[in-house]
Amino acid sequence: MERFVLRAKRSTGLRGEVNVLVTGSAAIRALNKRFRRQNKATDVLSFPSRAAEERGRAALAGEIVISADIAARNSTRLGHSAAKEVQILALHGMLHLAGFDHERDNGEMARKESILRRKHDLPVALIERTESTPAKPVKRKRRRPFPASPARTTA
């Protein structure tokens, strides 16, 4: 995970350290309630640091909190490993730390996430799967079975 975070940090142009906490849904729900006033668990939260760079060394860029429970459920549902799901969520969180905001940027973050997902060999990006419209179920005509062949008798 540490190697992935370093690679993702470089590819997002993020400077400074990034702390990543993978925890349970109860803890992330408490953080979501406290900082976003939403009393529900979520998959990933990002907390950008307000600290400036000091003496030429990069300060803390921010912190990312990931729900292991939700990551495990998503990975099972989407058919990839929980480790890949945690990486997808970490990349998403890093883009938020870098200043992207998919709720207000007319798809800029989604495009960047898609590019970086491919670069880091990750399955479907978080924004792509949450903002895409699900396919409508296809109505299929019910086929009647072929009539049984008449029994043949041999004489």
N, C-alpha and C. Protein backbone atom coordinates (compact mmCIF):
# COMPACT_ATOMS: atom_id res chain seq x y z
N MET A 1 0.82 -1.18 0.00
CA MET A 1 0.00 0.00 0.00
C MET A 1 0.87 1.25 0.00
N GLU A 2 1.95 1.20 0.74
CA GLU A 2 2.83 2.37 0.81
C GLU A 2 3.41 2.73 -0.56
N ARG A 3 3.82 1.70 -1.33
CA ARG A 3 4.35 1.96 -2.67
C ARG A 3 3.29 2.55 -3.58
N PHE A 4 2.06 2.02 -3.49
CA PHE A 4 0.98 2.56 -4.31
C PHE A 4 0.71 4.02 -3.96
N VAL A 5 0.66 4.32 -2.68
CA VAL A 5 0.39 5.70 -2.25
C VAL A 5 1.47 6.64 -2.79
N LEU A 6 2.73 6.23 -2.77
CA LEU A 6 3.81 7.07 -3.30
C LEU A 6 3.65 7.29 -4.80
N ARG A 7 3.34 6.21 -5.54
CA ARG A 7 3.14 6.34 -7.00
C ARG A 7 1.94 7.21 -7.31
N ALA A 8 0.84 7.00 -6.61
CA ALA A 8 -0.38 7.78 -6.85
C ALA A 8 -0.16 9.25 -6.48
N LYS A 9 0.57 9.48 -5.42
CA LYS A 9 0.86 10.85 -5.00
C LYS A 9 1.64 11.59 -6.08
N ARG A 10 2.64 10.92 -6.64
CA ARG A 10 3.42 11.53 -7.73
C ARG A 10 2.54 11.81 -8.94
N SER A 11 1.69 10.86 -9.30
CA SER A 11 0.88 11.02 -10.51
C SER A 11 -0.22 12.08 -10.35
N THR A 12 -0.61 12.38 -9.14
CA THR A 12 -1.61 13.44 -8.92
C THR A 12 -0.95 14.80 -8.76
N GLY A 13 0.39 14.83 -8.65
CA GLY A 13 1.09 16.09 -8.46
C GLY A 13 1.01 16.60 -7.04
N LEU A 14 0.61 15.75 -6.15
CA LEU A 14 0.44 16.13 -4.75
C LEU A 14 1.80 16.19 -4.05
N ARG A 15 2.02 17.24 -3.30
CA ARG A 15 3.26 17.39 -2.54
C ARG A 15 2.96 17.25 -1.07
N GLY A 16 3.88 16.71 -0.34
CA GLY A 16 3.69 16.53 1.09
C GLY A 16 3.31 15.10 1.41
N GLU A 17 3.32 14.81 2.68
CA GLU A 17 2.99 13.45 3.12
C GLU A 17 1.49 13.23 3.10
N VAL A 18 1.11 11.99 2.87
CA VAL A 18 -0.29 11.58 2.91
C VAL A 18 -0.41 10.43 3.89
N ASN A 19 -1.27 10.59 4.87
CA ASN A 19 -1.56 9.51 5.81
C ASN A 19 -2.84 8.82 5.34
N VAL A 20 -2.81 7.49 5.33
CA VAL A 20 -3.98 6.71 4.93
C VAL A 20 -4.35 5.79 6.08
N LEU A 21 -5.60 5.88 6.51
CA LEU A 21 -6.13 5.02 7.56
C LEU A 21 -7.22 4.15 6.96
N VAL A 22 -7.06 2.85 7.08
CA VAL A 22 -8.10 1.91 6.67
C VAL A 22 -8.73 1.41 7.96
N THR A 23 -10.03 1.65 8.09
CA THR A 23 -10.73 1.38 9.35
C THR A 23 -12.11 0.78 9.07
N GLY A 24 -12.89 0.61 10.11
CA GLY A 24 -14.22 0.04 9.96
C GLY A 24 -15.27 1.11 9.68
N SER A 25 -16.44 0.65 9.31
CA SER A 25 -17.54 1.56 8.97
C SER A 25 -18.01 2.40 10.15
N ALA A 26 -17.94 1.87 11.35
CA ALA A 26 -18.38 2.64 12.52
C ALA A 26 -17.50 3.88 12.70
N ALA A 27 -16.20 3.71 12.56
CA ALA A 27 -15.28 4.84 12.72
C ALA A 27 -15.46 5.87 11.61
N ILE A 28 -15.63 5.41 10.39
CA ILE A 28 -15.78 6.36 9.29
C ILE A 28 -17.13 7.06 9.36
N ARG A 29 -18.13 6.36 9.88
CA ARG A 29 -19.44 6.99 10.08
C ARG A 29 -19.32 8.13 11.10
N ALA A 30 -18.60 7.90 12.18
CA ALA A 30 -18.41 8.93 13.20
C ALA A 30 -17.68 10.15 12.61
N LEU A 31 -16.66 9.90 11.80
CA LEU A 31 -15.94 11.01 11.16
C LEU A 31 -16.83 11.76 10.16
N ASN A 32 -17.61 11.01 9.41
CA ASN A 32 -18.51 11.62 8.43
C ASN A 32 -19.56 12.49 9.13
N LYS A 33 -20.05 12.00 10.25
CA LYS A 33 -21.04 12.77 11.02
C LYS A 33 -20.41 14.03 11.61
N ARG A 34 -19.21 13.89 12.14
CA ARG A 34 -18.56 15.03 12.79
C ARG A 34 -18.13 16.11 11.80
N PHE A 35 -17.54 15.70 10.67
CA PHE A 35 -16.96 16.69 9.76
C PHE A 35 -17.86 17.06 8.57
N ARG A 36 -18.80 16.19 8.20
CA ARG A 36 -19.65 16.50 7.05
C ARG A 36 -21.13 16.54 7.42
N ARG A 37 -21.41 16.30 8.70
CA ARG A 37 -22.78 16.29 9.20
C ARG A 37 -23.68 15.30 8.46
N GLN A 38 -23.09 14.18 8.08
CA GLN A 38 -23.83 13.09 7.44
C GLN A 38 -23.67 11.85 8.30
N ASN A 39 -24.77 11.42 8.89
CA ASN A 39 -24.75 10.31 9.82
C ASN A 39 -24.86 8.97 9.09
N LYS A 40 -23.84 8.68 8.29
CA LYS A 40 -23.81 7.41 7.57
C LYS A 40 -22.36 7.06 7.25
N ALA A 41 -22.13 5.78 7.08
CA ALA A 41 -20.80 5.34 6.67
C ALA A 41 -20.61 5.69 5.20
N THR A 42 -19.39 5.93 4.82
CA THR A 42 -19.05 6.19 3.43
C THR A 42 -17.78 5.44 3.10
N ASP A 43 -17.44 5.34 1.84
CA ASP A 43 -16.28 4.54 1.45
C ASP A 43 -14.96 5.24 1.71
N VAL A 44 -14.89 6.55 1.46
CA VAL A 44 -13.62 7.26 1.62
C VAL A 44 -13.86 8.71 2.02
N LEU A 45 -13.04 9.22 2.91
CA LEU A 45 -13.05 10.63 3.31
C LEU A 45 -11.65 11.18 3.13
N SER A 46 -11.56 12.44 2.73
CA SER A 46 -10.27 13.12 2.57
C SER A 46 -10.25 14.36 3.44
N PHE A 47 -9.12 14.57 4.09
CA PHE A 47 -8.94 15.73 4.95
C PHE A 47 -7.68 16.47 4.53
N PRO A 48 -7.80 17.47 3.66
CA PRO A 48 -6.61 18.23 3.24
C PRO A 48 -6.01 18.98 4.43
N SER A 49 -4.70 19.07 4.44
CA SER A 49 -4.00 19.79 5.49
C SER A 49 -3.92 21.26 5.13
N ARG A 50 -4.02 22.10 6.12
CA ARG A 50 -3.90 23.54 5.89
C ARG A 50 -2.46 24.02 6.12
N ALA A 51 -1.60 23.08 6.50
CA ALA A 51 -0.21 23.45 6.79
C ALA A 51 0.53 23.81 5.50
N ALA A 52 1.34 24.83 5.55
CA ALA A 52 2.14 25.24 4.40
C ALA A 52 3.48 24.54 4.44
N GLU A 53 4.19 24.58 3.31
CA GLU A 53 5.53 23.99 3.28
C GLU A 53 6.46 24.80 4.18
N GLU A 54 7.32 24.08 4.86
CA GLU A 54 8.26 24.72 5.77
C GLU A 54 9.70 24.41 5.37
N ARG A 55 10.52 25.43 5.25
CA ARG A 55 11.96 25.29 4.98
C ARG A 55 12.28 24.35 3.83
N GLY A 56 11.56 24.42 2.76
CA GLY A 56 11.85 23.59 1.59
C GLY A 56 11.38 22.16 1.69
N ARG A 57 10.88 21.75 2.83
CA ARG A 57 10.35 20.39 2.98
C ARG A 57 8.85 20.44 2.88
N ALA A 58 8.29 19.46 2.22
CA ALA A 58 6.85 19.42 2.06
C ALA A 58 6.19 19.06 3.39
N ALA A 59 5.15 19.75 3.70
CA ALA A 59 4.39 19.48 4.92
C ALA A 59 3.38 18.36 4.64
N LEU A 60 2.55 18.11 5.58
CA LEU A 60 1.49 17.11 5.42
C LEU A 60 0.50 17.60 4.37
N ALA A 61 0.27 16.82 3.33
CA ALA A 61 -0.71 17.17 2.30
C ALA A 61 -2.12 16.90 2.81
N GLY A 62 -2.28 15.86 3.60
CA GLY A 62 -3.59 15.55 4.14
C GLY A 62 -3.71 14.10 4.56
N GLU A 63 -4.93 13.75 4.92
CA GLU A 63 -5.20 12.40 5.40
C GLU A 63 -6.40 11.82 4.65
N ILE A 64 -6.35 10.52 4.45
CA ILE A 64 -7.41 9.80 3.76
C ILE A 64 -7.87 8.68 4.69
N VAL A 65 -9.18 8.55 4.85
CA VAL A 65 -9.75 7.48 5.68
C VAL A 65 -10.62 6.61 4.78
N ILE A 66 -10.39 5.31 4.82
CA ILE A 66 -11.09 4.36 3.96
C ILE A 66 -11.80 3.33 4.81
N SER A 67 -13.04 3.02 4.45
CA SER A 67 -13.79 1.98 5.14
C SER A 67 -13.43 0.62 4.57
N ALA A 68 -12.80 -0.22 5.38
CA ALA A 68 -12.45 -1.58 4.96
C ALA A 68 -13.71 -2.40 4.69
N ASP A 69 -14.75 -2.16 5.47
CA ASP A 69 -16.01 -2.91 5.30
C ASP A 69 -16.64 -2.63 3.93
N ILE A 70 -16.73 -1.35 3.59
CA ILE A 70 -17.34 -0.98 2.31
C ILE A 70 -16.43 -1.41 1.16
N ALA A 71 -15.13 -1.28 1.34
CA ALA A 71 -14.19 -1.72 0.30
C ALA A 71 -14.35 -3.22 0.03
N ALA A 72 -14.50 -4.00 1.07
CA ALA A 72 -14.67 -5.45 0.91
C ALA A 72 -15.97 -5.77 0.17
N ARG A 73 -17.05 -5.10 0.55
CA ARG A 73 -18.34 -5.32 -0.13
C ARG A 73 -18.25 -4.92 -1.60
N ASN A 74 -17.66 -3.76 -1.87
CA ASN A 74 -17.54 -3.29 -3.26
C ASN A 74 -16.69 -4.24 -4.09
N SER A 75 -15.60 -4.71 -3.52
CA SER A 75 -14.72 -5.59 -4.28
C SER A 75 -15.41 -6.90 -4.64
N THR A 76 -16.19 -7.42 -3.72
CA THR A 76 -16.93 -8.65 -3.99
C THR A 76 -17.97 -8.40 -5.09
N ARG A 77 -18.69 -7.31 -4.97
CA ARG A 77 -19.74 -6.97 -5.94
C ARG A 77 -19.16 -6.70 -7.33
N LEU A 78 -17.98 -6.10 -7.38
CA LEU A 78 -17.39 -5.70 -8.66
C LEU A 78 -16.37 -6.69 -9.22
N GLY A 79 -16.06 -7.73 -8.45
CA GLY A 79 -15.22 -8.81 -8.95
C GLY A 79 -13.73 -8.53 -8.99
N HIS A 80 -13.24 -7.73 -8.06
CA HIS A 80 -11.78 -7.56 -7.95
C HIS A 80 -11.41 -7.66 -6.48
N SER A 81 -10.13 -7.62 -6.19
CA SER A 81 -9.67 -7.84 -4.82
C SER A 81 -9.96 -6.62 -3.93
N ALA A 82 -10.02 -6.88 -2.64
CA ALA A 82 -10.22 -5.79 -1.67
C ALA A 82 -9.02 -4.85 -1.71
N ALA A 83 -7.83 -5.37 -1.95
CA ALA A 83 -6.64 -4.52 -2.05
C ALA A 83 -6.75 -3.54 -3.20
N LYS A 84 -7.25 -4.00 -4.35
CA LYS A 84 -7.46 -3.10 -5.49
C LYS A 84 -8.50 -2.04 -5.15
N GLU A 85 -9.54 -2.43 -4.45
CA GLU A 85 -10.58 -1.48 -4.06
C GLU A 85 -10.03 -0.41 -3.14
N VAL A 86 -9.19 -0.80 -2.20
CA VAL A 86 -8.57 0.18 -1.30
C VAL A 86 -7.69 1.13 -2.12
N GLN A 87 -6.99 0.63 -3.12
CA GLN A 87 -6.19 1.50 -3.97
C GLN A 87 -7.06 2.48 -4.76
N ILE A 88 -8.18 2.01 -5.28
CA ILE A 88 -9.11 2.89 -5.99
C ILE A 88 -9.57 4.02 -5.06
N LEU A 89 -9.92 3.66 -3.85
CA LEU A 89 -10.40 4.65 -2.89
C LEU A 89 -9.28 5.60 -2.47
N ALA A 90 -8.07 5.09 -2.33
CA ALA A 90 -6.93 5.95 -1.98
C ALA A 90 -6.65 6.94 -3.11
N LEU A 91 -6.70 6.48 -4.34
CA LEU A 91 -6.49 7.38 -5.49
C LEU A 91 -7.56 8.46 -5.51
N HIS A 92 -8.80 8.08 -5.29
CA HIS A 92 -9.91 9.03 -5.25
C HIS A 92 -9.67 10.08 -4.16
N GLY A 93 -9.29 9.61 -2.98
CA GLY A 93 -9.01 10.53 -1.88
C GLY A 93 -7.85 11.46 -2.19
N MET A 94 -6.82 10.94 -2.86
CA MET A 94 -5.67 11.77 -3.21
C MET A 94 -6.05 12.88 -4.19
N LEU A 95 -6.93 12.56 -5.12
CA LEU A 95 -7.38 13.60 -6.05
C LEU A 95 -8.12 14.71 -5.30
N HIS A 96 -8.88 14.33 -4.28
CA HIS A 96 -9.53 15.36 -3.45
C HIS A 96 -8.47 16.20 -2.73
N LEU A 97 -7.43 15.55 -2.20
CA LEU A 97 -6.36 16.29 -1.52
C LEU A 97 -5.65 17.24 -2.48
N ALA A 98 -5.60 16.86 -3.77
CA ALA A 98 -4.96 17.69 -4.79
C ALA A 98 -5.86 18.84 -5.25
N GLY A 99 -7.07 18.91 -4.70
CA GLY A 99 -7.94 20.04 -5.01
C GLY A 99 -9.09 19.74 -5.96
N PHE A 100 -9.24 18.50 -6.40
CA PHE A 100 -10.34 18.16 -7.29
C PHE A 100 -11.62 17.98 -6.49
N ASP A 101 -12.75 18.29 -7.11
CA ASP A 101 -14.05 18.14 -6.46
C ASP A 101 -15.08 17.72 -7.50
N HIS A 102 -15.39 16.43 -7.57
CA HIS A 102 -16.29 15.91 -8.59
C HIS A 102 -17.71 16.43 -8.48
N GLU A 103 -18.06 17.01 -7.35
CA GLU A 103 -19.41 17.55 -7.20
C GLU A 103 -19.56 18.91 -7.88
N ARG A 104 -18.43 19.55 -8.23
CA ARG A 104 -18.49 20.92 -8.76
C ARG A 104 -17.63 21.17 -9.99
N ASP A 105 -16.93 20.17 -10.51
CA ASP A 105 -15.93 20.47 -11.54
C ASP A 105 -16.28 20.03 -12.97
N ASN A 106 -17.55 19.77 -13.23
CA ASN A 106 -17.99 19.41 -14.59
C ASN A 106 -17.21 18.25 -15.20
N GLY A 107 -16.89 17.27 -14.40
CA GLY A 107 -16.25 16.05 -14.91
C GLY A 107 -14.73 16.06 -14.95
N GLU A 108 -14.10 17.14 -14.51
CA GLU A 108 -12.64 17.22 -14.55
C GLU A 108 -12.00 16.13 -13.70
N MET A 109 -12.51 15.93 -12.48
CA MET A 109 -11.95 14.92 -11.60
C MET A 109 -12.19 13.52 -12.17
N ALA A 110 -13.37 13.31 -12.73
CA ALA A 110 -13.68 12.00 -13.31
C ALA A 110 -12.72 11.66 -14.45
N ARG A 111 -12.41 12.64 -15.29
CA ARG A 111 -11.47 12.41 -16.39
C ARG A 111 -10.08 12.10 -15.85
N LYS A 112 -9.64 12.85 -14.87
CA LYS A 112 -8.32 12.63 -14.28
C LYS A 112 -8.25 11.26 -13.60
N GLU A 113 -9.30 10.93 -12.87
CA GLU A 113 -9.33 9.63 -12.18
C GLU A 113 -9.29 8.48 -13.18
N SER A 114 -9.99 8.63 -14.28
CA SER A 114 -10.02 7.59 -15.30
C SER A 114 -8.63 7.39 -15.92
N ILE A 115 -7.94 8.47 -16.21
CA ILE A 115 -6.58 8.41 -16.76
C ILE A 115 -5.64 7.72 -15.76
N LEU A 116 -5.71 8.15 -14.50
CA LEU A 116 -4.82 7.59 -13.48
C LEU A 116 -5.17 6.15 -13.15
N ARG A 117 -6.43 5.80 -13.23
CA ARG A 117 -6.84 4.42 -13.01
C ARG A 117 -6.16 3.51 -14.03
N ARG A 118 -6.20 3.92 -15.28
CA ARG A 118 -5.54 3.11 -16.32
C ARG A 118 -4.03 3.07 -16.11
N LYS A 119 -3.45 4.21 -15.76
CA LYS A 119 -2.00 4.28 -15.53
C LYS A 119 -1.56 3.34 -14.41
N HIS A 120 -2.38 3.22 -13.39
CA HIS A 120 -2.03 2.38 -12.23
C HIS A 120 -2.66 0.99 -12.30
N ASP A 121 -3.22 0.66 -13.47
CA ASP A 121 -3.80 -0.67 -13.70
C ASP A 121 -4.87 -1.03 -12.67
N LEU A 122 -5.80 -0.09 -12.48
CA LEU A 122 -6.90 -0.30 -11.53
C LEU A 122 -8.21 -0.53 -12.28
N PRO A 123 -9.11 -1.31 -11.70
CA PRO A 123 -10.43 -1.50 -12.32
C PRO A 123 -11.24 -0.19 -12.28
N VAL A 124 -12.46 -0.26 -12.69
CA VAL A 124 -13.35 0.90 -12.82
C VAL A 124 -13.19 1.89 -11.68
N ALA A 125 -13.02 3.15 -12.04
CA ALA A 125 -12.80 4.20 -11.06
C ALA A 125 -14.07 4.51 -10.28
N LEU A 126 -13.88 5.06 -9.11
CA LEU A 126 -14.99 5.35 -8.21
C LEU A 126 -16.03 6.26 -8.84
N ILE A 127 -15.62 7.34 -9.44
CA ILE A 127 -16.59 8.27 -10.04
C ILE A 127 -17.31 7.60 -11.20
N GLU A 128 -16.59 6.83 -12.01
CA GLU A 128 -17.21 6.18 -13.16
C GLU A 128 -18.35 5.26 -12.75
N ARG A 129 -18.18 4.56 -11.65
CA ARG A 129 -19.23 3.62 -11.26
C ARG A 129 -20.35 4.26 -10.46
N THR A 130 -20.10 5.41 -9.83
CA THR A 130 -21.15 6.04 -9.05
C THR A 130 -21.96 7.04 -9.87
N GLU A 131 -21.37 7.59 -10.92
CA GLU A 131 -22.08 8.59 -11.70
C GLU A 131 -22.64 8.04 -12.99
N SER A 132 -22.30 6.82 -13.36
CA SER A 132 -22.86 6.26 -14.57
C SER A 132 -24.26 5.76 -14.28
N THR A 133 -25.11 5.86 -15.27
CA THR A 133 -26.48 5.41 -15.08
C THR A 133 -26.52 3.91 -15.30
N PRO A 134 -27.16 3.21 -14.41
CA PRO A 134 -27.22 1.76 -14.57
C PRO A 134 -28.03 1.39 -15.81
N ALA A 135 -27.61 0.34 -16.44
CA ALA A 135 -28.34 -0.12 -17.62
C ALA A 135 -29.72 -0.61 -17.24
N LYS A 136 -30.67 -0.29 -18.10
CA LYS A 136 -32.03 -0.76 -17.84
C LYS A 136 -32.10 -2.23 -18.16
N PRO A 137 -32.88 -2.96 -17.37
CA PRO A 137 -32.99 -4.39 -17.67
C PRO A 137 -33.64 -4.60 -19.03
N VAL A 138 -33.15 -5.56 -19.75
CA VAL A 138 -33.68 -5.85 -21.07
C VAL A 138 -34.87 -6.77 -20.92
N LYS A 139 -35.98 -6.36 -21.54
CA LYS A 139 -37.16 -7.22 -21.52
C LYS A 139 -37.03 -8.23 -22.65
N ARG A 140 -37.11 -9.46 -22.29
CA ARG A 140 -36.98 -10.51 -23.30
C ARG A 140 -38.32 -11.20 -23.46
N LYS A 141 -38.60 -11.51 -24.71
CA LYS A 141 -39.83 -12.25 -24.98
C LYS A 141 -39.65 -13.65 -24.43
N ARG A 142 -40.70 -14.12 -23.88
CA ARG A 142 -40.67 -15.47 -23.37
C ARG A 142 -40.86 -16.44 -24.52
N ARG A 143 -39.92 -17.32 -24.69
CA ARG A 143 -40.02 -18.28 -25.79
C ARG A 143 -40.76 -19.52 -25.33
N ARG A 144 -41.60 -19.96 -26.23
CA ARG A 144 -42.27 -21.22 -25.95
C ARG A 144 -41.35 -22.36 -26.35
N PRO A 145 -41.33 -23.38 -25.55
CA PRO A 145 -40.47 -24.51 -25.93
C PRO A 145 -40.97 -25.15 -27.21
N PHE A 146 -40.04 -25.72 -27.95
CA PHE A 146 -40.44 -26.42 -29.16
C PHE A 146 -41.39 -27.55 -28.78
N PRO A 147 -42.38 -27.76 -29.64
CA PRO A 147 -43.28 -28.88 -29.32
C PRO A 147 -42.49 -30.19 -29.36
N ALA A 148 -42.89 -31.07 -28.50
CA ALA A 148 -42.21 -32.37 -28.44
C ALA A 148 -42.37 -33.09 -29.75
N SER A 149 -41.33 -33.77 -30.16
CA SER A 149 -41.41 -34.55 -31.39
C SER A 149 -42.36 -35.70 -31.17
N PRO A 150 -43.11 -36.03 -32.21
CA PRO A 150 -44.03 -37.15 -32.02
C PRO A 150 -43.24 -38.44 -31.78
N ALA A 151 -43.79 -39.24 -30.95
CA ALA A 151 -43.12 -40.51 -30.64
C ALA A 151 -43.09 -41.37 -31.89
N ARG A 152 -41.98 -42.02 -32.10
CA ARG A 152 -41.86 -42.90 -33.27
C ARG A 152 -41.91 -44.35 -32.81
N THR A 153 -42.62 -45.06 -33.53
CA THR A 153 -42.67 -46.49 -33.21
C THR A 153 -42.04 -47.26 -34.35
N THR A 154 -41.37 -48.27 -34.03
CA THR A 154 -40.80 -49.10 -35.07
C THR A 154 -41.55 -50.42 -35.08
N ALA A 155 -41.79 -50.87 -36.24
CA ALA A 155 -42.54 -52.13 -36.35
C ALA A 155 -41.65 -53.24 -36.77
